[in-house]
């Protein structure tokens, strides 16, 4: 294994990367809230979530893209970008101003040097639309949450990967492999957060029961 030869299957590295970013976010978020509380200052948890989540997502996306922006593999981290969007919009439910998402997307195009490419603008508009729809689905308690979640994730994912396929002239086999990886990772992320949410609910009930006994 080296910089020129990567022997680990992409799906394996993707799993560890996604879980690593999630862990990094929670670590920074916990540190930030604990630091503020130790100084006896009122903590607006929602604002802390927005700031930490936005910074982590932007740094992760831009840092990874810098590695491949001048190569023919500029599409390599598209799945990471889509999963980070789901992480921020659906699971963290961060209400980032839509204009800010659009501005960051334009900055991403400028970094890649493709701001004049029409397909890049279409990709950006669909990407922002993905954020808006994912966020709206996360804050409404509709029935069948997982089918709705995966339907939104795959619908936008297929359109965005189709635009990437057209721009980089990728073969259909690559398109479907990436879509399969994306579907698996999106489902894995959903299951991970469901387990986390269930664990949090159990701890809350135990805490309430302990206080009630007293």
N, C-alpha and C. Protein backbone atom coordinates (compact mmCIF):
# COMPACT_ATOMS: atom_id res chain seq x y z
N UNK A 1 0.84 -1.19 0.00
CA UNK A 1 0.00 0.00 0.00
C UNK A 1 0.88 1.25 0.00
N UNK A 2 0.65 2.17 -0.92
CA UNK A 2 1.43 3.40 -1.00
C UNK A 2 0.58 4.47 -1.66
N UNK A 3 1.16 5.66 -1.87
CA UNK A 3 0.42 6.74 -2.52
C UNK A 3 0.09 6.39 -3.97
N UNK A 4 0.91 5.54 -4.60
CA UNK A 4 0.70 5.21 -6.01
C UNK A 4 -0.09 3.93 -6.20
N UNK A 5 -0.21 3.11 -5.14
CA UNK A 5 -0.95 1.86 -5.26
C UNK A 5 -1.78 1.64 -4.00
N UNK A 6 -3.08 1.68 -4.16
CA UNK A 6 -4.00 1.52 -3.03
C UNK A 6 -4.65 0.15 -3.13
N UNK A 7 -4.34 -0.73 -2.19
CA UNK A 7 -4.76 -2.11 -2.28
C UNK A 7 -6.05 -2.40 -1.52
N UNK A 8 -6.58 -1.44 -0.79
CA UNK A 8 -7.82 -1.64 -0.04
C UNK A 8 -9.00 -1.28 -0.93
N UNK A 9 -10.03 -2.13 -1.01
CA UNK A 9 -11.19 -1.82 -1.85
C UNK A 9 -11.81 -0.48 -1.45
N UNK A 10 -12.27 0.33 -2.44
CA UNK A 10 -12.84 1.64 -2.15
C UNK A 10 -13.99 1.62 -1.16
N UNK A 11 -14.83 0.57 -1.22
CA UNK A 11 -15.98 0.53 -0.32
C UNK A 11 -15.54 0.43 1.14
N UNK A 12 -14.41 -0.28 1.39
CA UNK A 12 -13.90 -0.40 2.75
C UNK A 12 -13.38 0.94 3.25
N UNK A 13 -12.59 1.62 2.42
CA UNK A 13 -12.08 2.93 2.82
C UNK A 13 -13.23 3.92 2.99
N UNK A 14 -14.28 3.79 2.19
CA UNK A 14 -15.43 4.69 2.29
C UNK A 14 -16.11 4.53 3.64
N UNK A 15 -16.29 3.29 4.09
CA UNK A 15 -16.94 3.03 5.37
C UNK A 15 -16.16 3.69 6.50
N UNK A 16 -14.85 3.47 6.52
CA UNK A 16 -14.05 4.03 7.60
C UNK A 16 -13.98 5.55 7.51
N UNK A 17 -14.00 6.08 6.29
CA UNK A 17 -13.96 7.53 6.14
C UNK A 17 -15.23 8.17 6.68
N UNK A 18 -16.38 7.62 6.28
CA UNK A 18 -17.66 8.18 6.73
C UNK A 18 -17.78 8.12 8.25
N UNK A 19 -17.47 6.96 8.83
CA UNK A 19 -17.53 6.84 10.28
C UNK A 19 -16.51 7.74 10.97
N UNK A 20 -15.36 7.93 10.32
CA UNK A 20 -14.33 8.82 10.88
C UNK A 20 -14.78 10.27 10.92
N UNK A 21 -15.43 10.73 9.85
CA UNK A 21 -15.92 12.11 9.82
C UNK A 21 -17.00 12.32 10.87
N UNK A 22 -17.89 11.34 11.01
CA UNK A 22 -18.95 11.44 12.03
C UNK A 22 -18.34 11.52 13.43
N UNK A 23 -17.35 10.65 13.69
CA UNK A 23 -16.69 10.65 14.99
C UNK A 23 -15.96 11.96 15.24
N UNK A 24 -15.31 12.48 14.20
CA UNK A 24 -14.60 13.76 14.33
C UNK A 24 -15.57 14.88 14.68
N UNK A 25 -16.73 14.88 14.02
CA UNK A 25 -17.73 15.91 14.30
C UNK A 25 -18.16 15.86 15.76
N UNK A 26 -18.55 14.66 16.24
CA UNK A 26 -19.04 14.54 17.61
C UNK A 26 -17.96 14.92 18.62
N UNK A 27 -16.71 14.61 18.32
CA UNK A 27 -15.62 14.95 19.23
C UNK A 27 -15.46 16.46 19.34
N UNK A 28 -15.47 17.15 18.18
CA UNK A 28 -15.32 18.61 18.19
C UNK A 28 -16.54 19.27 18.83
N UNK A 29 -17.73 18.76 18.51
CA UNK A 29 -18.96 19.32 19.08
C UNK A 29 -18.98 19.18 20.60
N UNK A 30 -18.61 18.01 21.10
CA UNK A 30 -18.57 17.78 22.55
C UNK A 30 -17.55 18.69 23.21
N UNK A 31 -16.38 18.82 22.59
CA UNK A 31 -15.34 19.69 23.14
C UNK A 31 -15.80 21.14 23.18
N UNK A 32 -16.45 21.62 22.10
CA UNK A 32 -16.89 23.01 22.04
C UNK A 32 -17.95 23.32 23.08
N UNK A 33 -18.94 22.43 23.22
CA UNK A 33 -20.00 22.67 24.21
C UNK A 33 -19.47 22.57 25.63
N UNK A 34 -18.58 21.62 25.88
CA UNK A 34 -18.00 21.48 27.22
C UNK A 34 -17.15 22.70 27.58
N UNK A 35 -16.40 23.20 26.60
CA UNK A 35 -15.57 24.38 26.82
C UNK A 35 -16.42 25.59 27.17
N UNK A 36 -17.52 25.77 26.45
CA UNK A 36 -18.40 26.91 26.71
C UNK A 36 -19.08 26.78 28.07
N UNK A 37 -19.52 25.58 28.40
CA UNK A 37 -20.19 25.37 29.69
C UNK A 37 -19.24 25.56 30.87
N UNK A 38 -17.97 25.21 30.69
CA UNK A 38 -16.99 25.36 31.77
C UNK A 38 -16.71 26.82 32.10
N UNK A 39 -17.01 27.72 31.16
CA UNK A 39 -16.80 29.14 31.37
C UNK A 39 -18.06 29.84 31.86
N UNK A 40 -19.04 29.03 32.25
CA UNK A 40 -20.31 29.55 32.79
C UNK A 40 -21.01 30.49 31.81
N UNK A 41 -20.94 30.16 30.54
CA UNK A 41 -21.61 30.96 29.53
C UNK A 41 -22.82 30.18 29.00
N UNK A 42 -23.89 30.89 28.68
CA UNK A 42 -25.05 30.20 28.09
C UNK A 42 -24.68 29.61 26.74
N UNK A 43 -25.05 28.35 26.53
CA UNK A 43 -24.67 27.64 25.31
C UNK A 43 -25.89 27.46 24.42
N UNK A 44 -25.81 27.97 23.20
CA UNK A 44 -26.85 27.73 22.20
C UNK A 44 -26.41 26.51 21.39
N UNK A 45 -26.93 25.35 21.79
CA UNK A 45 -26.49 24.09 21.18
C UNK A 45 -26.72 24.08 19.69
N UNK A 46 -27.84 24.65 19.24
CA UNK A 46 -28.16 24.64 17.81
C UNK A 46 -27.12 25.43 17.02
N UNK A 47 -26.71 26.58 17.55
CA UNK A 47 -25.70 27.38 16.85
C UNK A 47 -24.36 26.66 16.81
N UNK A 48 -24.02 26.01 17.93
CA UNK A 48 -22.76 25.25 17.97
C UNK A 48 -22.80 24.13 16.93
N UNK A 49 -23.93 23.45 16.82
CA UNK A 49 -24.07 22.38 15.84
C UNK A 49 -23.89 22.91 14.42
N UNK A 50 -24.52 24.04 14.13
CA UNK A 50 -24.44 24.62 12.79
C UNK A 50 -23.00 24.99 12.45
N UNK A 51 -22.33 25.66 13.37
CA UNK A 51 -20.96 26.11 13.11
C UNK A 51 -20.02 24.92 12.95
N UNK A 52 -20.05 24.00 13.92
CA UNK A 52 -19.14 22.85 13.88
C UNK A 52 -19.44 21.95 12.69
N UNK A 53 -20.73 21.66 12.46
CA UNK A 53 -21.11 20.80 11.34
C UNK A 53 -20.73 21.39 9.99
N UNK A 54 -20.97 22.69 9.81
CA UNK A 54 -20.63 23.35 8.55
C UNK A 54 -19.13 23.35 8.31
N UNK A 55 -18.37 23.70 9.35
CA UNK A 55 -16.90 23.75 9.21
C UNK A 55 -16.33 22.37 8.89
N UNK A 56 -16.79 21.35 9.61
CA UNK A 56 -16.29 19.99 9.37
C UNK A 56 -16.60 19.52 7.95
N UNK A 57 -17.82 19.79 7.49
CA UNK A 57 -18.23 19.36 6.16
C UNK A 57 -17.41 20.08 5.08
N UNK A 58 -17.26 21.40 5.22
CA UNK A 58 -16.53 22.18 4.21
C UNK A 58 -15.07 21.77 4.15
N UNK A 59 -14.44 21.65 5.33
CA UNK A 59 -13.02 21.27 5.36
C UNK A 59 -12.82 19.88 4.76
N UNK A 60 -13.70 18.93 5.11
CA UNK A 60 -13.57 17.57 4.60
C UNK A 60 -13.69 17.53 3.08
N UNK A 61 -14.71 18.22 2.54
CA UNK A 61 -14.94 18.20 1.09
C UNK A 61 -13.80 18.86 0.35
N UNK A 62 -13.41 20.06 0.79
CA UNK A 62 -12.37 20.80 0.07
C UNK A 62 -11.01 20.13 0.20
N UNK A 63 -10.69 19.62 1.38
CA UNK A 63 -9.39 18.98 1.59
C UNK A 63 -9.23 17.75 0.70
N UNK A 64 -10.28 16.94 0.60
CA UNK A 64 -10.20 15.75 -0.23
C UNK A 64 -10.12 16.11 -1.71
N UNK A 65 -10.91 17.11 -2.12
CA UNK A 65 -10.93 17.47 -3.53
C UNK A 65 -9.60 18.05 -4.00
N UNK A 66 -8.88 18.69 -3.08
CA UNK A 66 -7.56 19.24 -3.44
C UNK A 66 -6.60 18.16 -3.91
N UNK A 67 -6.82 16.93 -3.44
CA UNK A 67 -5.93 15.83 -3.81
C UNK A 67 -6.11 15.40 -5.26
N UNK A 68 -7.29 15.65 -5.84
CA UNK A 68 -7.58 15.11 -7.18
C UNK A 68 -8.05 16.16 -8.17
N UNK A 69 -8.04 17.43 -7.80
CA UNK A 69 -8.66 18.46 -8.65
C UNK A 69 -7.98 18.62 -10.01
N UNK A 70 -6.69 18.35 -10.08
CA UNK A 70 -5.96 18.53 -11.34
C UNK A 70 -5.76 17.22 -12.10
N UNK A 71 -6.52 16.19 -11.73
CA UNK A 71 -6.37 14.90 -12.39
C UNK A 71 -7.68 14.49 -13.05
N UNK A 72 -7.61 13.37 -13.79
CA UNK A 72 -8.81 12.84 -14.43
C UNK A 72 -9.71 12.11 -13.43
N UNK A 73 -9.27 12.06 -12.16
CA UNK A 73 -10.05 11.40 -11.11
C UNK A 73 -10.78 12.41 -10.23
N UNK A 74 -11.14 13.55 -10.80
CA UNK A 74 -11.82 14.58 -10.04
C UNK A 74 -13.17 14.16 -9.52
N UNK A 75 -13.68 13.04 -9.99
CA UNK A 75 -15.00 12.55 -9.57
C UNK A 75 -14.91 11.55 -8.42
N UNK A 76 -13.70 11.22 -7.97
CA UNK A 76 -13.47 10.14 -7.02
C UNK A 76 -14.27 10.29 -5.73
N UNK A 77 -14.38 11.51 -5.22
CA UNK A 77 -14.98 11.72 -3.91
C UNK A 77 -16.42 12.22 -3.97
N UNK A 78 -17.10 11.98 -5.06
CA UNK A 78 -18.49 12.42 -5.18
C UNK A 78 -19.37 11.76 -4.12
N UNK A 79 -19.20 10.47 -3.90
CA UNK A 79 -20.00 9.78 -2.88
C UNK A 79 -19.78 10.38 -1.50
N UNK A 80 -18.55 10.75 -1.18
CA UNK A 80 -18.27 11.38 0.10
C UNK A 80 -19.04 12.69 0.22
N UNK A 81 -19.08 13.46 -0.86
CA UNK A 81 -19.79 14.73 -0.85
C UNK A 81 -21.28 14.53 -0.61
N UNK A 82 -21.86 13.53 -1.26
CA UNK A 82 -23.28 13.25 -1.09
C UNK A 82 -23.59 12.77 0.32
N UNK A 83 -22.73 11.92 0.86
CA UNK A 83 -22.94 11.40 2.21
C UNK A 83 -22.77 12.50 3.26
N UNK A 84 -21.83 13.40 3.04
CA UNK A 84 -21.66 14.51 3.97
C UNK A 84 -22.88 15.43 3.94
N UNK A 85 -23.46 15.60 2.76
CA UNK A 85 -24.69 16.40 2.67
C UNK A 85 -25.80 15.75 3.48
N UNK A 86 -25.97 14.42 3.35
CA UNK A 86 -26.99 13.72 4.13
C UNK A 86 -26.70 13.85 5.63
N UNK A 87 -25.45 13.74 5.99
CA UNK A 87 -25.05 13.85 7.39
C UNK A 87 -25.44 15.21 7.98
N UNK A 88 -25.17 16.27 7.23
CA UNK A 88 -25.45 17.63 7.72
C UNK A 88 -26.93 17.95 7.65
N UNK A 89 -27.58 17.65 6.51
CA UNK A 89 -28.96 18.06 6.30
C UNK A 89 -29.98 17.14 6.96
N UNK A 90 -29.77 15.83 6.85
CA UNK A 90 -30.79 14.89 7.32
C UNK A 90 -30.58 14.47 8.77
N UNK A 91 -29.36 14.10 9.12
CA UNK A 91 -29.13 13.54 10.45
C UNK A 91 -28.86 14.61 11.51
N UNK A 92 -28.07 15.63 11.17
CA UNK A 92 -27.84 16.70 12.13
C UNK A 92 -28.94 17.76 12.06
N UNK A 93 -29.69 17.77 10.97
CA UNK A 93 -30.78 18.73 10.77
C UNK A 93 -30.28 20.16 10.94
N UNK A 94 -29.15 20.45 10.32
CA UNK A 94 -28.58 21.79 10.42
C UNK A 94 -29.23 22.71 9.38
N UNK A 95 -29.87 23.75 9.86
CA UNK A 95 -30.53 24.68 8.96
C UNK A 95 -29.55 25.74 8.50
N UNK A 96 -28.71 25.36 7.55
CA UNK A 96 -27.74 26.29 6.97
C UNK A 96 -28.47 27.12 5.92
N UNK A 97 -28.25 28.44 5.91
CA UNK A 97 -28.90 29.26 4.88
C UNK A 97 -28.62 28.72 3.48
N UNK A 98 -29.67 28.65 2.66
CA UNK A 98 -29.52 28.06 1.34
C UNK A 98 -28.51 28.83 0.49
N UNK A 99 -28.48 30.14 0.67
CA UNK A 99 -27.53 30.94 -0.10
C UNK A 99 -26.09 30.58 0.25
N UNK A 100 -25.86 30.20 1.53
CA UNK A 100 -24.51 29.84 1.94
C UNK A 100 -24.09 28.51 1.30
N UNK A 101 -25.03 27.57 1.21
CA UNK A 101 -24.74 26.30 0.53
C UNK A 101 -24.37 26.57 -0.92
N UNK A 102 -25.10 27.49 -1.56
CA UNK A 102 -24.84 27.82 -2.95
C UNK A 102 -23.48 28.50 -3.12
N UNK A 103 -23.15 29.41 -2.20
CA UNK A 103 -21.86 30.11 -2.27
C UNK A 103 -20.71 29.13 -2.10
N UNK A 104 -20.85 28.21 -1.14
CA UNK A 104 -19.80 27.20 -0.93
C UNK A 104 -19.64 26.33 -2.17
N UNK A 105 -20.77 25.99 -2.82
CA UNK A 105 -20.71 25.17 -4.03
C UNK A 105 -19.99 25.92 -5.15
N UNK A 106 -20.23 27.23 -5.26
CA UNK A 106 -19.52 28.03 -6.27
C UNK A 106 -18.03 28.06 -5.96
N UNK A 107 -17.68 28.22 -4.67
CA UNK A 107 -16.27 28.18 -4.27
C UNK A 107 -15.63 26.84 -4.63
N UNK A 108 -16.41 25.77 -4.52
CA UNK A 108 -15.92 24.44 -4.90
C UNK A 108 -15.63 24.39 -6.40
N UNK A 109 -16.50 24.98 -7.20
CA UNK A 109 -16.28 25.02 -8.65
C UNK A 109 -15.04 25.85 -8.99
N UNK A 110 -14.88 26.98 -8.31
CA UNK A 110 -13.70 27.82 -8.56
C UNK A 110 -12.41 27.07 -8.24
N UNK A 111 -12.42 26.31 -7.14
CA UNK A 111 -11.25 25.53 -6.77
C UNK A 111 -10.93 24.48 -7.83
N UNK A 112 -11.98 23.89 -8.41
CA UNK A 112 -11.78 22.86 -9.44
C UNK A 112 -11.48 23.45 -10.81
N UNK A 113 -11.69 24.75 -10.96
CA UNK A 113 -11.44 25.39 -12.25
C UNK A 113 -12.48 25.07 -13.30
N UNK A 114 -13.71 24.74 -12.90
CA UNK A 114 -14.76 24.38 -13.86
C UNK A 114 -15.99 25.27 -13.72
N UNK A 115 -15.77 26.51 -13.25
CA UNK A 115 -16.89 27.41 -13.03
C UNK A 115 -17.56 27.81 -14.34
N UNK A 116 -16.87 27.65 -15.46
CA UNK A 116 -17.46 28.00 -16.76
C UNK A 116 -18.14 26.81 -17.43
N UNK A 117 -18.08 25.64 -16.82
CA UNK A 117 -18.70 24.44 -17.42
C UNK A 117 -20.19 24.39 -17.08
N UNK A 118 -21.07 24.33 -18.08
CA UNK A 118 -22.52 24.30 -17.81
C UNK A 118 -22.95 23.14 -16.93
N UNK A 119 -22.35 21.96 -17.13
CA UNK A 119 -22.73 20.80 -16.32
C UNK A 119 -22.40 21.01 -14.84
N UNK A 120 -21.33 21.77 -14.57
CA UNK A 120 -20.97 22.05 -13.18
C UNK A 120 -22.03 22.91 -12.50
N UNK A 121 -22.60 23.85 -13.25
CA UNK A 121 -23.66 24.69 -12.69
C UNK A 121 -24.93 23.88 -12.45
N UNK A 122 -25.23 22.98 -13.38
CA UNK A 122 -26.40 22.11 -13.18
C UNK A 122 -26.18 21.23 -11.95
N UNK A 123 -24.98 20.68 -11.82
CA UNK A 123 -24.65 19.86 -10.65
C UNK A 123 -24.83 20.66 -9.37
N UNK A 124 -24.36 21.91 -9.36
CA UNK A 124 -24.47 22.75 -8.17
C UNK A 124 -25.92 23.02 -7.80
N UNK A 125 -26.75 23.32 -8.77
CA UNK A 125 -28.17 23.60 -8.51
C UNK A 125 -28.87 22.36 -7.97
N UNK A 126 -28.59 21.20 -8.56
CA UNK A 126 -29.20 19.95 -8.08
C UNK A 126 -28.69 19.63 -6.68
N UNK A 127 -27.42 19.88 -6.42
CA UNK A 127 -26.82 19.62 -5.11
C UNK A 127 -27.50 20.45 -4.03
N UNK A 128 -27.71 21.75 -4.33
CA UNK A 128 -28.40 22.62 -3.37
C UNK A 128 -29.84 22.14 -3.16
N UNK A 129 -30.49 21.74 -4.26
CA UNK A 129 -31.84 21.19 -4.15
C UNK A 129 -31.88 19.94 -3.29
N UNK A 130 -30.86 19.12 -3.38
CA UNK A 130 -30.73 17.91 -2.57
C UNK A 130 -30.69 18.28 -1.09
N UNK A 131 -29.90 19.30 -0.76
CA UNK A 131 -29.82 19.75 0.63
C UNK A 131 -31.18 20.21 1.14
N UNK A 132 -31.87 21.01 0.34
CA UNK A 132 -33.18 21.55 0.75
C UNK A 132 -34.18 20.43 1.00
N UNK A 133 -34.27 19.48 0.08
CA UNK A 133 -35.24 18.39 0.20
C UNK A 133 -34.87 17.47 1.36
N UNK A 134 -33.58 17.15 1.50
CA UNK A 134 -33.15 16.27 2.60
C UNK A 134 -33.45 16.91 3.95
N UNK A 135 -33.21 18.21 4.07
CA UNK A 135 -33.48 18.89 5.33
C UNK A 135 -34.98 18.89 5.64
N UNK A 136 -35.81 19.17 4.64
CA UNK A 136 -37.25 19.19 4.84
C UNK A 136 -37.77 17.83 5.28
N UNK A 137 -37.23 16.77 4.71
CA UNK A 137 -37.65 15.43 5.09
C UNK A 137 -37.20 15.09 6.52
N UNK A 138 -36.10 15.66 6.95
CA UNK A 138 -35.59 15.33 8.29
C UNK A 138 -36.40 15.97 9.40
N UNK A 139 -37.03 17.10 9.14
CA UNK A 139 -37.73 17.82 10.21
C UNK A 139 -39.21 17.48 10.27
N UNK A 140 -39.72 16.71 9.31
CA UNK A 140 -41.12 16.31 9.33
C UNK A 140 -41.23 14.84 9.75
N UNK A 141 -42.13 14.58 10.65
CA UNK A 141 -42.32 13.21 11.14
C UNK A 141 -43.31 12.47 10.25
N UNK A 142 -42.90 12.22 9.02
CA UNK A 142 -43.75 11.50 8.08
C UNK A 142 -43.64 9.99 8.32
N UNK A 143 -44.61 9.25 7.82
CA UNK A 143 -44.58 7.79 7.94
C UNK A 143 -43.51 7.21 7.02
N UNK A 144 -43.11 5.98 7.35
CA UNK A 144 -42.09 5.27 6.57
C UNK A 144 -40.83 6.12 6.37
N UNK A 145 -40.16 6.48 7.44
CA UNK A 145 -39.00 7.37 7.32
C UNK A 145 -37.87 6.81 6.45
N UNK A 146 -37.55 5.51 6.63
CA UNK A 146 -36.43 4.98 5.83
C UNK A 146 -36.73 4.94 4.34
N UNK A 147 -37.92 4.42 3.90
CA UNK A 147 -38.20 4.46 2.45
C UNK A 147 -38.14 5.87 1.88
N UNK A 148 -38.65 6.84 2.63
CA UNK A 148 -38.59 8.23 2.16
C UNK A 148 -37.15 8.72 2.10
N UNK A 149 -36.38 8.39 3.11
CA UNK A 149 -34.98 8.80 3.16
C UNK A 149 -34.20 8.23 1.98
N UNK A 150 -34.30 6.92 1.78
CA UNK A 150 -33.50 6.29 0.73
C UNK A 150 -33.99 6.69 -0.65
N UNK A 151 -35.30 6.97 -0.79
CA UNK A 151 -35.83 7.43 -2.07
C UNK A 151 -35.24 8.79 -2.44
N UNK A 152 -35.22 9.70 -1.49
CA UNK A 152 -34.62 11.02 -1.73
C UNK A 152 -33.14 10.89 -2.02
N UNK A 153 -32.44 10.10 -1.20
CA UNK A 153 -30.99 9.94 -1.36
C UNK A 153 -30.63 9.37 -2.73
N UNK A 154 -31.35 8.32 -3.15
CA UNK A 154 -31.03 7.67 -4.42
C UNK A 154 -31.48 8.49 -5.61
N UNK A 155 -32.62 9.16 -5.51
CA UNK A 155 -33.11 9.96 -6.62
C UNK A 155 -32.12 11.07 -6.98
N UNK A 156 -31.70 11.84 -5.98
CA UNK A 156 -30.74 12.90 -6.23
C UNK A 156 -29.37 12.32 -6.57
N UNK A 157 -29.01 11.22 -5.92
CA UNK A 157 -27.72 10.60 -6.20
C UNK A 157 -27.60 10.15 -7.64
N UNK A 158 -28.67 9.57 -8.19
CA UNK A 158 -28.64 9.10 -9.57
C UNK A 158 -28.49 10.26 -10.54
N UNK A 159 -29.19 11.37 -10.27
CA UNK A 159 -29.09 12.54 -11.15
C UNK A 159 -27.69 13.14 -11.07
N UNK A 160 -27.18 13.30 -9.87
CA UNK A 160 -25.85 13.91 -9.70
C UNK A 160 -24.75 13.03 -10.29
N UNK A 161 -24.85 11.72 -10.09
CA UNK A 161 -23.84 10.83 -10.69
C UNK A 161 -23.97 10.78 -12.21
N UNK A 162 -25.17 10.95 -12.72
CA UNK A 162 -25.34 11.00 -14.18
C UNK A 162 -24.64 12.22 -14.76
N UNK A 163 -24.74 13.36 -14.07
CA UNK A 163 -24.04 14.57 -14.51
C UNK A 163 -22.53 14.37 -14.46
N UNK A 164 -22.05 13.69 -13.40
CA UNK A 164 -20.61 13.40 -13.30
C UNK A 164 -20.18 12.45 -14.41
N UNK A 165 -21.01 11.46 -14.71
CA UNK A 165 -20.70 10.51 -15.78
C UNK A 165 -20.57 11.24 -17.12
N UNK A 166 -21.48 12.16 -17.38
CA UNK A 166 -21.46 12.91 -18.63
C UNK A 166 -20.23 13.80 -18.73
N UNK A 167 -19.89 14.45 -17.63
CA UNK A 167 -18.77 15.39 -17.66
C UNK A 167 -17.42 14.68 -17.81
N UNK A 168 -17.25 13.53 -17.13
CA UNK A 168 -15.97 12.82 -17.16
C UNK A 168 -15.98 11.64 -18.13
N UNK A 169 -17.10 11.45 -18.84
CA UNK A 169 -17.22 10.38 -19.83
C UNK A 169 -16.93 9.01 -19.19
N UNK A 170 -17.56 8.77 -18.06
CA UNK A 170 -17.37 7.51 -17.36
C UNK A 170 -18.21 6.41 -17.98
N UNK A 171 -17.75 5.17 -17.93
CA UNK A 171 -18.57 4.05 -18.44
C UNK A 171 -19.73 3.77 -17.50
N UNK A 172 -20.77 3.13 -18.06
CA UNK A 172 -21.96 2.83 -17.27
C UNK A 172 -21.65 1.91 -16.10
N UNK A 173 -20.68 1.00 -16.28
CA UNK A 173 -20.35 0.07 -15.20
C UNK A 173 -19.83 0.83 -13.98
N UNK A 174 -19.03 1.89 -14.21
CA UNK A 174 -18.54 2.71 -13.11
C UNK A 174 -19.69 3.44 -12.43
N UNK A 175 -20.62 3.94 -13.23
CA UNK A 175 -21.79 4.64 -12.69
C UNK A 175 -22.57 3.74 -11.73
N UNK A 176 -22.88 2.53 -12.16
CA UNK A 176 -23.69 1.63 -11.34
C UNK A 176 -22.94 1.12 -10.12
N UNK A 177 -21.63 0.91 -10.24
CA UNK A 177 -20.83 0.51 -9.08
C UNK A 177 -20.84 1.60 -8.03
N UNK A 178 -20.65 2.84 -8.46
CA UNK A 178 -20.65 3.97 -7.52
C UNK A 178 -22.02 4.16 -6.88
N UNK A 179 -23.08 3.94 -7.65
CA UNK A 179 -24.43 4.06 -7.11
C UNK A 179 -24.69 2.97 -6.08
N UNK A 180 -24.22 1.76 -6.35
CA UNK A 180 -24.39 0.65 -5.39
C UNK A 180 -23.63 0.95 -4.10
N UNK A 181 -22.40 1.44 -4.22
CA UNK A 181 -21.62 1.82 -3.04
C UNK A 181 -22.34 2.91 -2.25
N UNK A 182 -22.86 3.89 -2.96
CA UNK A 182 -23.56 5.01 -2.33
C UNK A 182 -24.81 4.54 -1.58
N UNK A 183 -25.58 3.67 -2.21
CA UNK A 183 -26.80 3.14 -1.57
C UNK A 183 -26.45 2.37 -0.30
N UNK A 184 -25.40 1.57 -0.36
CA UNK A 184 -24.97 0.80 0.81
C UNK A 184 -24.52 1.72 1.94
N UNK A 185 -23.71 2.73 1.61
CA UNK A 185 -23.19 3.64 2.63
C UNK A 185 -24.29 4.51 3.22
N UNK A 186 -25.25 4.93 2.38
CA UNK A 186 -26.37 5.73 2.88
C UNK A 186 -27.21 4.91 3.86
N UNK A 187 -27.41 3.63 3.55
CA UNK A 187 -28.15 2.76 4.45
C UNK A 187 -27.37 2.51 5.73
N UNK A 188 -26.06 2.32 5.62
CA UNK A 188 -25.21 2.13 6.79
C UNK A 188 -25.28 3.34 7.71
N UNK A 189 -25.24 4.53 7.12
CA UNK A 189 -25.31 5.75 7.91
C UNK A 189 -26.66 5.87 8.62
N UNK A 190 -27.73 5.49 7.93
CA UNK A 190 -29.06 5.55 8.53
C UNK A 190 -29.14 4.60 9.74
N UNK A 191 -28.64 3.38 9.57
CA UNK A 191 -28.65 2.42 10.66
C UNK A 191 -27.81 2.88 11.84
N UNK A 192 -26.66 3.48 11.55
CA UNK A 192 -25.78 3.98 12.61
C UNK A 192 -26.48 5.03 13.45
N UNK A 193 -27.16 5.97 12.80
CA UNK A 193 -27.82 7.03 13.55
C UNK A 193 -29.07 6.53 14.26
N UNK A 194 -29.72 5.51 13.72
CA UNK A 194 -30.87 4.93 14.42
C UNK A 194 -30.42 4.27 15.72
N UNK A 195 -29.28 3.58 15.67
CA UNK A 195 -28.73 2.96 16.88
C UNK A 195 -28.35 4.04 17.89
N UNK A 196 -27.72 5.12 17.41
CA UNK A 196 -27.33 6.20 18.29
C UNK A 196 -28.55 6.85 18.94
N UNK A 197 -29.60 7.04 18.14
CA UNK A 197 -30.82 7.66 18.64
C UNK A 197 -31.50 6.76 19.68
N UNK A 198 -31.54 5.46 19.42
CA UNK A 198 -32.13 4.52 20.37
C UNK A 198 -31.35 4.51 21.68
N UNK A 199 -30.03 4.54 21.59
CA UNK A 199 -29.19 4.56 22.78
C UNK A 199 -29.43 5.83 23.59
N UNK A 200 -29.57 6.96 22.88
CA UNK A 200 -29.82 8.22 23.58
C UNK A 200 -31.16 8.20 24.29
N UNK A 201 -32.19 7.63 23.64
CA UNK A 201 -33.52 7.56 24.26
C UNK A 201 -33.50 6.69 25.52
N UNK A 202 -32.77 5.58 25.47
CA UNK A 202 -32.67 4.70 26.63
C UNK A 202 -32.00 5.43 27.80
N UNK A 203 -30.92 6.16 27.50
CA UNK A 203 -30.22 6.90 28.55
C UNK A 203 -31.12 7.98 29.14
N UNK A 204 -31.91 8.65 28.28
CA UNK A 204 -32.83 9.69 28.78
C UNK A 204 -33.88 9.09 29.71
N UNK A 205 -34.41 7.91 29.33
CA UNK A 205 -35.43 7.26 30.18
C UNK A 205 -34.82 6.83 31.53
N UNK A 206 -33.60 6.29 31.49
CA UNK A 206 -32.93 5.89 32.73
C UNK A 206 -32.67 7.09 33.63
N UNK A 207 -32.29 8.21 33.00
CA UNK A 207 -32.03 9.43 33.77
C UNK A 207 -33.30 9.95 34.42
N UNK A 208 -34.40 9.94 33.66
CA UNK A 208 -35.68 10.40 34.18
C UNK A 208 -36.17 9.47 35.30
N UNK A 209 -35.98 8.17 35.13
CA UNK A 209 -36.40 7.21 36.16
C UNK A 209 -35.61 7.40 37.43
N UNK A 210 -34.32 7.64 37.32
CA UNK A 210 -33.47 7.85 38.48
C UNK A 210 -33.90 9.10 39.25
N UNK A 211 -34.21 10.16 38.52
CA UNK A 211 -34.65 11.40 39.17
C UNK A 211 -36.03 11.22 39.81
N UNK A 212 -36.88 10.41 39.18
CA UNK A 212 -38.23 10.20 39.72
C UNK A 212 -38.18 9.43 41.03
N UNK A 213 -37.25 8.44 41.11
CA UNK A 213 -37.09 7.67 42.34
C UNK A 213 -36.66 8.55 43.50
N UNK A 214 -35.80 9.51 43.20
CA UNK A 214 -35.35 10.41 44.25
C UNK A 214 -36.50 11.29 44.74
